Amino acid sequence: MTNKSILVTGEVGCIGSHIVDACTAAGYRLVHEVVCHHAALANVRDSLSDAQGCIQVNAIGALNLLEAAREQGSVRRVVFASTSGVVTT
């Protein structure tokens, strides 16, 4: 059992849910020493029809999370993963 804590965003998505399962199995408390950021709008069609909305959620949302982590002070690491949707044509 570890005494480390972790915050996972996007925990209901494919990547995030696996991260949560692995971290809880390893004994992590799901809070805030490490931030695993996997929340985003990943639908390519949505990004084409509402580019501003996707930028607001994905880019500005990630920036807000990073700023909050910095202000919180105890976050030591941030892990970010992207979806396969960003490589489609």
N, C-alpha and C. Protein backbone atom coordinates (compact mmCIF):
# COMPACT_ATOMS: atom_id res chain seq x y z
N MET A 1 0.85 -1.18 0.00
CA MET A 1 0.00 0.00 0.00
C MET A 1 0.89 1.24 0.00
N THR A 2 0.57 2.19 -0.84
CA THR A 2 1.33 3.43 -0.94
C THR A 2 0.60 4.54 -0.21
N ASN A 3 1.33 5.57 0.19
CA ASN A 3 0.69 6.72 0.81
C ASN A 3 0.55 7.87 -0.19
N LYS A 4 0.77 7.60 -1.45
CA LYS A 4 0.64 8.63 -2.49
C LYS A 4 -0.80 8.77 -2.93
N SER A 5 -1.12 9.97 -3.38
CA SER A 5 -2.47 10.22 -3.89
C SER A 5 -2.38 10.66 -5.34
N ILE A 6 -3.49 10.54 -6.06
CA ILE A 6 -3.51 10.85 -7.48
C ILE A 6 -4.89 11.38 -7.87
N LEU A 7 -4.91 12.34 -8.78
CA LEU A 7 -6.15 12.86 -9.34
C LEU A 7 -6.21 12.42 -10.78
N VAL A 8 -7.30 11.80 -11.19
CA VAL A 8 -7.48 11.36 -12.56
C VAL A 8 -8.68 12.07 -13.15
N THR A 9 -8.48 12.82 -14.22
CA THR A 9 -9.60 13.42 -14.94
C THR A 9 -9.97 12.50 -16.09
N GLY A 10 -11.21 12.55 -16.50
CA GLY A 10 -11.64 11.68 -17.59
C GLY A 10 -11.73 10.23 -17.18
N GLU A 11 -12.05 9.99 -15.90
CA GLU A 11 -12.04 8.63 -15.38
C GLU A 11 -13.12 7.73 -15.94
N VAL A 12 -14.10 8.28 -16.65
CA VAL A 12 -15.12 7.43 -17.24
C VAL A 12 -14.79 7.08 -18.69
N GLY A 13 -13.74 7.66 -19.23
CA GLY A 13 -13.32 7.35 -20.59
C GLY A 13 -12.48 6.10 -20.64
N CYS A 14 -12.09 5.73 -21.82
CA CYS A 14 -11.33 4.49 -22.03
C CYS A 14 -9.98 4.53 -21.30
N ILE A 15 -9.18 5.54 -21.56
CA ILE A 15 -7.85 5.62 -20.93
C ILE A 15 -7.99 5.85 -19.44
N GLY A 16 -8.80 6.85 -19.06
CA GLY A 16 -8.93 7.21 -17.66
C GLY A 16 -9.43 6.08 -16.78
N SER A 17 -10.40 5.32 -17.28
CA SER A 17 -10.95 4.22 -16.46
C SER A 17 -9.89 3.15 -16.19
N HIS A 18 -9.03 2.89 -17.16
CA HIS A 18 -7.96 1.92 -16.95
C HIS A 18 -6.91 2.46 -15.98
N ILE A 19 -6.65 3.77 -16.07
CA ILE A 19 -5.71 4.40 -15.13
C ILE A 19 -6.24 4.28 -13.70
N VAL A 20 -7.53 4.59 -13.50
CA VAL A 20 -8.14 4.49 -12.18
C VAL A 20 -8.04 3.07 -11.65
N ASP A 21 -8.37 2.09 -12.48
CA ASP A 21 -8.30 0.69 -12.05
C ASP A 21 -6.88 0.31 -11.62
N ALA A 22 -5.90 0.70 -12.42
CA ALA A 22 -4.51 0.36 -12.11
C ALA A 22 -4.02 1.07 -10.85
N CYS A 23 -4.39 2.33 -10.70
CA CYS A 23 -3.94 3.09 -9.54
C CYS A 23 -4.57 2.59 -8.25
N THR A 24 -5.86 2.31 -8.28
CA THR A 24 -6.50 1.81 -7.06
C THR A 24 -5.99 0.42 -6.72
N ALA A 25 -5.71 -0.39 -7.72
CA ALA A 25 -5.14 -1.72 -7.47
C ALA A 25 -3.74 -1.61 -6.84
N ALA A 26 -3.02 -0.54 -7.19
CA ALA A 26 -1.68 -0.32 -6.65
C ALA A 26 -1.72 0.37 -5.28
N GLY A 27 -2.93 0.71 -4.82
CA GLY A 27 -3.06 1.29 -3.50
C GLY A 27 -3.06 2.81 -3.44
N TYR A 28 -3.12 3.47 -4.58
CA TYR A 28 -3.17 4.94 -4.58
C TYR A 28 -4.51 5.42 -4.05
N ARG A 29 -4.49 6.52 -3.33
CA ARG A 29 -5.71 7.25 -2.99
C ARG A 29 -5.95 8.21 -4.14
N LEU A 30 -7.16 8.30 -4.62
CA LEU A 30 -7.46 9.15 -5.77
C LEU A 30 -7.72 10.58 -5.30
N VAL A 31 -6.64 11.37 -5.22
CA VAL A 31 -6.79 12.76 -4.81
C VAL A 31 -5.90 13.68 -5.64
N HIS A 32 -4.69 14.09 -5.21
CA HIS A 32 -4.02 15.19 -5.90
C HIS A 32 -2.51 15.30 -5.88
N GLU A 33 -1.73 14.32 -5.59
CA GLU A 33 -0.28 14.48 -5.64
C GLU A 33 0.24 14.32 -7.07
N VAL A 34 -0.41 13.42 -7.81
CA VAL A 34 -0.13 13.24 -9.23
C VAL A 34 -1.44 13.48 -9.97
N VAL A 35 -1.37 14.25 -11.05
CA VAL A 35 -2.56 14.52 -11.86
C VAL A 35 -2.45 13.75 -13.16
N CYS A 36 -3.41 12.88 -13.44
CA CYS A 36 -3.50 12.17 -14.71
C CYS A 36 -4.65 12.78 -15.48
N HIS A 37 -4.34 13.56 -16.52
CA HIS A 37 -5.36 14.30 -17.24
C HIS A 37 -5.72 13.58 -18.54
N HIS A 38 -6.96 13.10 -18.62
CA HIS A 38 -7.42 12.38 -19.80
C HIS A 38 -8.81 12.83 -20.24
N ALA A 39 -9.27 13.95 -19.73
CA ALA A 39 -10.61 14.44 -20.07
C ALA A 39 -10.52 15.35 -21.29
N ALA A 40 -11.39 15.14 -22.26
CA ALA A 40 -11.40 15.98 -23.46
C ALA A 40 -12.61 15.64 -24.32
N LEU A 41 -12.89 16.54 -25.24
CA LEU A 41 -13.84 16.24 -26.31
C LEU A 41 -13.03 15.62 -27.44
N ALA A 42 -13.33 14.40 -27.80
CA ALA A 42 -12.49 13.69 -28.75
C ALA A 42 -13.16 13.42 -30.09
N ASN A 43 -14.41 13.79 -30.25
CA ASN A 43 -15.13 13.50 -31.48
C ASN A 43 -14.67 14.45 -32.59
N VAL A 44 -14.13 13.89 -33.66
CA VAL A 44 -13.59 14.69 -34.75
C VAL A 44 -14.69 15.53 -35.41
N ARG A 45 -15.86 14.98 -35.60
CA ARG A 45 -16.95 15.74 -36.21
C ARG A 45 -17.31 16.95 -35.36
N ASP A 46 -17.35 16.78 -34.04
CA ASP A 46 -17.63 17.91 -33.16
C ASP A 46 -16.56 18.99 -33.28
N SER A 47 -15.32 18.57 -33.42
CA SER A 47 -14.24 19.56 -33.53
C SER A 47 -14.34 20.35 -34.83
N LEU A 48 -14.91 19.74 -35.85
CA LEU A 48 -15.08 20.46 -37.12
C LEU A 48 -16.29 21.39 -37.07
N SER A 49 -17.35 20.96 -36.42
CA SER A 49 -18.56 21.78 -36.38
C SER A 49 -18.52 22.84 -35.28
N ASP A 50 -17.73 22.61 -34.23
CA ASP A 50 -17.63 23.57 -33.12
C ASP A 50 -16.19 23.65 -32.63
N ALA A 51 -15.33 24.16 -33.49
CA ALA A 51 -13.91 24.25 -33.16
C ALA A 51 -13.66 25.08 -31.91
N GLN A 52 -14.34 26.21 -31.78
CA GLN A 52 -14.16 27.07 -30.61
C GLN A 52 -14.55 26.33 -29.32
N GLY A 53 -15.65 25.60 -29.36
CA GLY A 53 -16.08 24.85 -28.19
C GLY A 53 -15.07 23.79 -27.79
N CYS A 54 -14.53 23.10 -28.78
CA CYS A 54 -13.53 22.07 -28.49
C CYS A 54 -12.24 22.68 -27.94
N ILE A 55 -11.84 23.81 -28.49
CA ILE A 55 -10.65 24.50 -27.97
C ILE A 55 -10.89 24.93 -26.53
N GLN A 56 -12.08 25.45 -26.25
CA GLN A 56 -12.40 25.88 -24.88
C GLN A 56 -12.31 24.71 -23.90
N VAL A 57 -12.88 23.58 -24.27
CA VAL A 57 -12.87 22.42 -23.38
C VAL A 57 -11.49 21.78 -23.32
N ASN A 58 -10.89 21.52 -24.46
CA ASN A 58 -9.65 20.75 -24.50
C ASN A 58 -8.42 21.58 -24.11
N ALA A 59 -8.17 22.66 -24.79
CA ALA A 59 -6.96 23.44 -24.53
C ALA A 59 -7.10 24.30 -23.27
N ILE A 60 -8.15 25.08 -23.20
CA ILE A 60 -8.33 25.97 -22.05
C ILE A 60 -8.62 25.14 -20.80
N GLY A 61 -9.38 24.06 -20.94
CA GLY A 61 -9.62 23.17 -19.81
C GLY A 61 -8.33 22.58 -19.26
N ALA A 62 -7.45 22.13 -20.14
CA ALA A 62 -6.15 21.60 -19.71
C ALA A 62 -5.32 22.68 -19.04
N LEU A 63 -5.32 23.88 -19.61
CA LEU A 63 -4.59 25.00 -19.01
C LEU A 63 -5.12 25.30 -17.61
N ASN A 64 -6.45 25.33 -17.46
CA ASN A 64 -7.05 25.58 -16.15
C ASN A 64 -6.64 24.52 -15.13
N LEU A 65 -6.61 23.26 -15.56
CA LEU A 65 -6.20 22.17 -14.68
C LEU A 65 -4.75 22.34 -14.25
N LEU A 66 -3.88 22.69 -15.20
CA LEU A 66 -2.47 22.89 -14.87
C LEU A 66 -2.27 24.07 -13.93
N GLU A 67 -3.00 25.15 -14.16
CA GLU A 67 -2.92 26.32 -13.27
C GLU A 67 -3.39 25.95 -11.86
N ALA A 68 -4.49 25.20 -11.76
CA ALA A 68 -5.00 24.79 -10.45
C ALA A 68 -3.99 23.88 -9.74
N ALA A 69 -3.35 22.99 -10.49
CA ALA A 69 -2.34 22.10 -9.91
C ALA A 69 -1.16 22.92 -9.38
N ARG A 70 -0.75 23.91 -10.14
CA ARG A 70 0.37 24.76 -9.71
C ARG A 70 -0.01 25.54 -8.46
N GLU A 71 -1.20 26.10 -8.43
CA GLU A 71 -1.65 26.87 -7.27
C GLU A 71 -1.82 26.00 -6.04
N GLN A 72 -2.22 24.75 -6.23
CA GLN A 72 -2.45 23.84 -5.11
C GLN A 72 -1.14 23.56 -4.38
N GLY A 73 -0.06 23.45 -5.12
CA GLY A 73 1.26 23.38 -4.52
C GLY A 73 1.84 22.00 -4.26
N SER A 74 1.04 20.97 -4.09
CA SER A 74 1.61 19.66 -3.76
C SER A 74 1.66 18.71 -4.95
N VAL A 75 1.19 19.15 -6.10
CA VAL A 75 1.22 18.29 -7.29
C VAL A 75 2.67 18.19 -7.77
N ARG A 76 3.15 16.97 -7.87
CA ARG A 76 4.54 16.74 -8.26
C ARG A 76 4.67 16.33 -9.72
N ARG A 77 3.60 15.71 -10.27
CA ARG A 77 3.66 15.23 -11.65
C ARG A 77 2.32 15.39 -12.32
N VAL A 78 2.37 15.61 -13.64
CA VAL A 78 1.16 15.63 -14.46
C VAL A 78 1.38 14.63 -15.59
N VAL A 79 0.41 13.74 -15.77
CA VAL A 79 0.46 12.76 -16.86
C VAL A 79 -0.68 13.09 -17.81
N PHE A 80 -0.37 13.23 -19.08
CA PHE A 80 -1.36 13.56 -20.09
C PHE A 80 -1.32 12.51 -21.19
N ALA A 81 -2.49 12.06 -21.61
CA ALA A 81 -2.58 11.13 -22.75
C ALA A 81 -3.65 11.64 -23.68
N SER A 82 -3.45 11.41 -24.95
CA SER A 82 -4.40 11.88 -25.96
C SER A 82 -5.12 10.69 -26.57
N THR A 83 -6.21 10.99 -27.25
CA THR A 83 -7.01 9.95 -27.89
C THR A 83 -6.50 9.67 -29.30
N SER A 84 -6.88 8.54 -29.83
CA SER A 84 -6.53 8.22 -31.21
C SER A 84 -7.27 9.12 -32.19
N GLY A 85 -8.32 9.81 -31.71
CA GLY A 85 -9.09 10.70 -32.57
C GLY A 85 -8.29 11.84 -33.16
N VAL A 86 -7.18 12.19 -32.53
CA VAL A 86 -6.39 13.31 -33.05
C VAL A 86 -5.55 12.92 -34.26
N VAL A 87 -5.48 11.64 -34.57
CA VAL A 87 -4.67 11.22 -35.71
C VAL A 87 -5.53 10.80 -36.90
N THR A 88 -6.85 10.96 -36.80
CA THR A 88 -7.70 10.60 -37.91
C THR A 88 -7.67 11.69 -38.96
N THR A 89 -8.06 11.34 -40.18
CA THR A 89 -8.06 12.36 -41.24
C THR A 89 -9.45 12.60 -41.73
